[in-house]
C-alpha atoms as a PDB file:
ATOM      1  CA  ASN A   1       7.854  61.494   5.052  1.00  0.00           C
ATOM      2  CA  MET A   2       5.628  62.213   2.038  1.00  0.00           C
ATOM      3  CA  ASN A   3       7.238  63.091  -1.317  1.00  0.00           C
ATOM      4  CA  GLU A   4       5.701  63.992  -4.622  1.00  0.00           C
ATOM      5  CA  ASN A   5       5.285  60.325  -5.684  1.00  0.00           C
ATOM      6  CA  ASN A   6       3.338  59.358  -2.540  1.00  0.00           C
ATOM      7  CA  LYS A   7      -0.373  59.428  -2.049  1.00  0.00           C
ATOM      8  CA  LEU A   8      -2.054  59.045   1.327  1.00  0.00           C
ATOM      9  CA  ILE A   9      -5.064  56.722   1.479  1.00  0.00           C
ATOM     10  CA  VAL A  10      -7.362  57.722   4.333  1.00  0.00           C
ATOM     11  CA  ALA A  11      -9.591  54.769   5.254  1.00  0.00           C
ATOM     12  CA  THR A  12     -12.492  55.589   7.496  1.00  0.00           C
ATOM     13  CA  THR A  13     -16.185  55.264   8.235  1.00  0.00           C
ATOM     14  CA  PHE A  14     -18.664  57.774   9.505  1.00  0.00           C
ATOM     15  CA  ARG A  15     -21.687  57.897  11.736  1.00  0.00           C
ATOM     16  CA  ASP A  16     -25.062  59.101  10.384  1.00  0.00           C
ATOM     17  CA  PHE A  17     -25.169  62.732   9.265  1.00  0.00           C
ATOM     18  CA  LYS A  18     -28.483  63.759  10.865  1.00  0.00           C
ATOM     19  CA  ASP A  19     -27.900  67.239  12.308  1.00  0.00           C
ATOM     20  CA  GLY A  20     -26.671  65.673  15.579  1.00  0.00           C
ATOM     21  CA  PRO A  21     -23.622  66.368  17.734  1.00  0.00           C
ATOM     22  CA  ASN A  22     -21.418  64.093  15.674  1.00  0.00           C
ATOM     23  CA  ASP A  23     -21.982  66.130  12.503  1.00  0.00           C
ATOM     24  CA  SER A  24     -19.800  69.045  13.517  1.00  0.00           C
ATOM     25  CA  ILE A  25     -16.877  66.704  14.496  1.00  0.00           C
ATOM     26  CA  GLN A  26     -17.176  64.775  11.203  1.00  0.00           C
ATOM     27  CA  LEU A  27     -17.442  67.992   9.130  1.00  0.00           C
ATOM     28  CA  LYS A  28     -14.297  69.392  10.849  1.00  0.00           C
ATOM     29  CA  PHE A  29     -12.481  66.168   9.886  1.00  0.00           C
ATOM     30  CA  LEU A  30     -13.633  66.472   6.290  1.00  0.00           C
ATOM     31  CA  GLU A  31     -12.750  70.234   6.162  1.00  0.00           C
ATOM     32  CA  SER A  32      -9.221  69.406   7.421  1.00  0.00           C
ATOM     33  CA  LEU A  33      -8.829  66.853   4.668  1.00  0.00           C
ATOM     34  CA  LYS A  34     -10.043  69.368   2.064  1.00  0.00           C
ATOM     35  CA  ASN A  35      -7.553  71.961   3.288  1.00  0.00           C
ATOM     36  CA  SER A  36      -4.706  69.500   3.517  1.00  0.00           C
ATOM     37  CA  LYS A  37      -1.618  70.061   1.356  1.00  0.00           C
ATOM     38  CA  VAL A  38      -1.157  66.267   1.124  1.00  0.00           C
ATOM     39  CA  ASP A  39      -2.293  64.362  -1.975  1.00  0.00           C
ATOM     40  CA  PHE A  40      -4.864  61.812  -0.714  1.00  0.00           C
ATOM     41  CA  ASP A  41      -7.757  59.582  -1.555  1.00  0.00           C
ATOM     42  CA  LEU A  42     -10.506  59.131   1.017  1.00  0.00           C
ATOM     43  CA  VAL A  43     -11.878  55.510   1.124  1.00  0.00           C
ATOM     44  CA  VAL A  44     -15.202  55.366   3.081  1.00  0.00           C
ATOM     45  CA  THR A  45     -16.805  52.089   4.137  1.00  0.00           C
ATOM     46  CA  ILE A  46     -20.585  52.536   4.825  1.00  0.00           C
ATOM     47  CA  PHE A  47     -22.300  49.937   6.904  1.00  0.00           C
ATOM     48  CA  SER A  48     -25.831  51.256   7.488  1.00  0.00           C
ATOM     49  CA  GLU A  49     -25.161  54.923   8.186  1.00  0.00           C
ATOM     50  CA  LYS A  50     -27.465  57.514   6.644  1.00  0.00           C
ATOM     51  CA  ASN A  51     -26.541  60.539   4.417  1.00  0.00           C
ATOM     52  CA  VAL A  52     -22.849  59.724   4.443  1.00  0.00           C
ATOM     53  CA  GLU A  53     -22.241  59.625   0.648  1.00  0.00           C
ATOM     54  CA  GLU A  54     -24.200  62.805   0.003  1.00  0.00           C
ATOM     55  CA  VAL A  55     -22.436  64.860   2.656  1.00  0.00           C
ATOM     56  CA  VAL A  56     -18.888  63.554   2.018  1.00  0.00           C
ATOM     57  CA  LYS A  57     -19.169  64.201  -1.745  1.00  0.00           C
ATOM     58  CA  LYS A  58     -19.908  67.836  -1.003  1.00  0.00           C
ATOM     59  CA  CYS A  59     -16.791  68.136   1.003  1.00  0.00           C
ATOM     60  CA  VAL A  60     -14.077  65.977  -0.598  1.00  0.00           C
ATOM     61  CA  GLU A  61     -13.406  65.250  -4.285  1.00  0.00           C
ATOM     62  CA  ASN A  62     -11.086  62.225  -4.180  1.00  0.00           C
ATOM     63  CA  VAL A  63     -13.394  59.799  -2.478  1.00  0.00           C
ATOM     64  CA  HIS A  64     -14.294  56.135  -3.009  1.00  0.00           C
ATOM     65  CA  PHE A  65     -17.358  54.520  -1.316  1.00  0.00           C
ATOM     66  CA  TYR A  66     -17.767  50.907  -0.416  1.00  0.00           C
ATOM     67  CA  TYR A  67     -21.112  49.581   0.945  1.00  0.00           C
ATOM     68  CA  SER A  68     -20.720  46.740   3.475  1.00  0.00           C
ATOM     69  CA  ASP A  69     -22.831  43.629   3.316  1.00  0.00           C
ATOM     70  CA  LEU A  70     -22.315  43.261   7.074  1.00  0.00           C
ATOM     71  CA  LYS A  71     -25.656  44.895   8.051  1.00  0.00           C
ATOM     72  CA  GLU A  72     -25.637  43.280  11.509  1.00  0.00           C
ATOM     73  CA  TYR A  73     -22.396  45.070  12.423  1.00  0.00           C
ATOM     74  CA  ARG A  74     -21.887  48.758  13.061  1.00  0.00           C
ATOM     75  CA  TYR A  75     -18.189  48.577  12.300  1.00  0.00           C
ATOM     76  CA  CYS A  76     -15.552  46.147  11.085  1.00  0.00           C
ATOM     77  CA  LEU A  77     -11.927  47.335  10.975  1.00  0.00           C
ATOM     78  CA  ASN A  78     -10.933  44.495   8.705  1.00  0.00           C
ATOM     79  CA  GLU A  79     -13.445  45.516   6.084  1.00  0.00           C
ATOM     80  CA  VAL A  80     -12.400  49.213   6.267  1.00  0.00           C
ATOM     81  CA  ILE A  81      -8.754  48.348   5.790  1.00  0.00           C
ATOM     82  CA  LEU A  82      -9.453  45.756   3.053  1.00  0.00           C
ATOM     83  CA  ASN A  83     -11.510  48.263   1.123  1.00  0.00           C
ATOM     84  CA  ALA A  84      -8.617  50.749   1.245  1.00  0.00           C
ATOM     85  CA  CYS A  85      -6.305  48.072  -0.098  1.00  0.00           C
ATOM     86  CA  SER A  86      -8.674  46.672  -2.733  1.00  0.00           C
ATOM     87  CA  GLY A  87      -8.837  49.746  -4.954  1.00  0.00           C
ATOM     88  CA  SER A  88      -7.115  49.787  -8.348  1.00  0.00           C
ATOM     89  CA  TRP A  89      -4.367  51.983  -6.906  1.00  0.00           C
ATOM     90  CA  SER A  90      -1.515  52.567  -9.269  1.00  0.00           C
ATOM     91  CA  TYR A  91       0.751  54.493  -6.959  1.00  0.00           C
ATOM     92  CA  GLN A  92       4.471  53.903  -6.422  1.00  0.00           C
ATOM     93  CA  SER A  93       4.038  54.141  -2.665  1.00  0.00           C
ATOM     94  CA  ILE A  94       0.903  53.721  -0.559  1.00  0.00           C
ATOM     95  CA  ASN A  95       0.469  55.022   2.966  1.00  0.00           C
ATOM     96  CA  ILE A  96      -2.690  54.039   4.803  1.00  0.00           C
END
């Protein structure tokens, strides 16, 4: 149950934005965040995906980007979650 003192931290990663079939799904996700009534910060971990920062910045204002050093991996859940937790969050209650 979210109250006015809570902020939702949405931790995620994206595939490349390259005018492919994944773009529409990813853009719908971003649009749903933009239209959300919930106060949130989006924390995006980028491994080697292309055009993510440029596209996401156009859709969502409260976003933080982390660039992974793990170039040989396409995804690492530990890193995504740790990036969400490592920010200088000054909230009374954090929901990830």
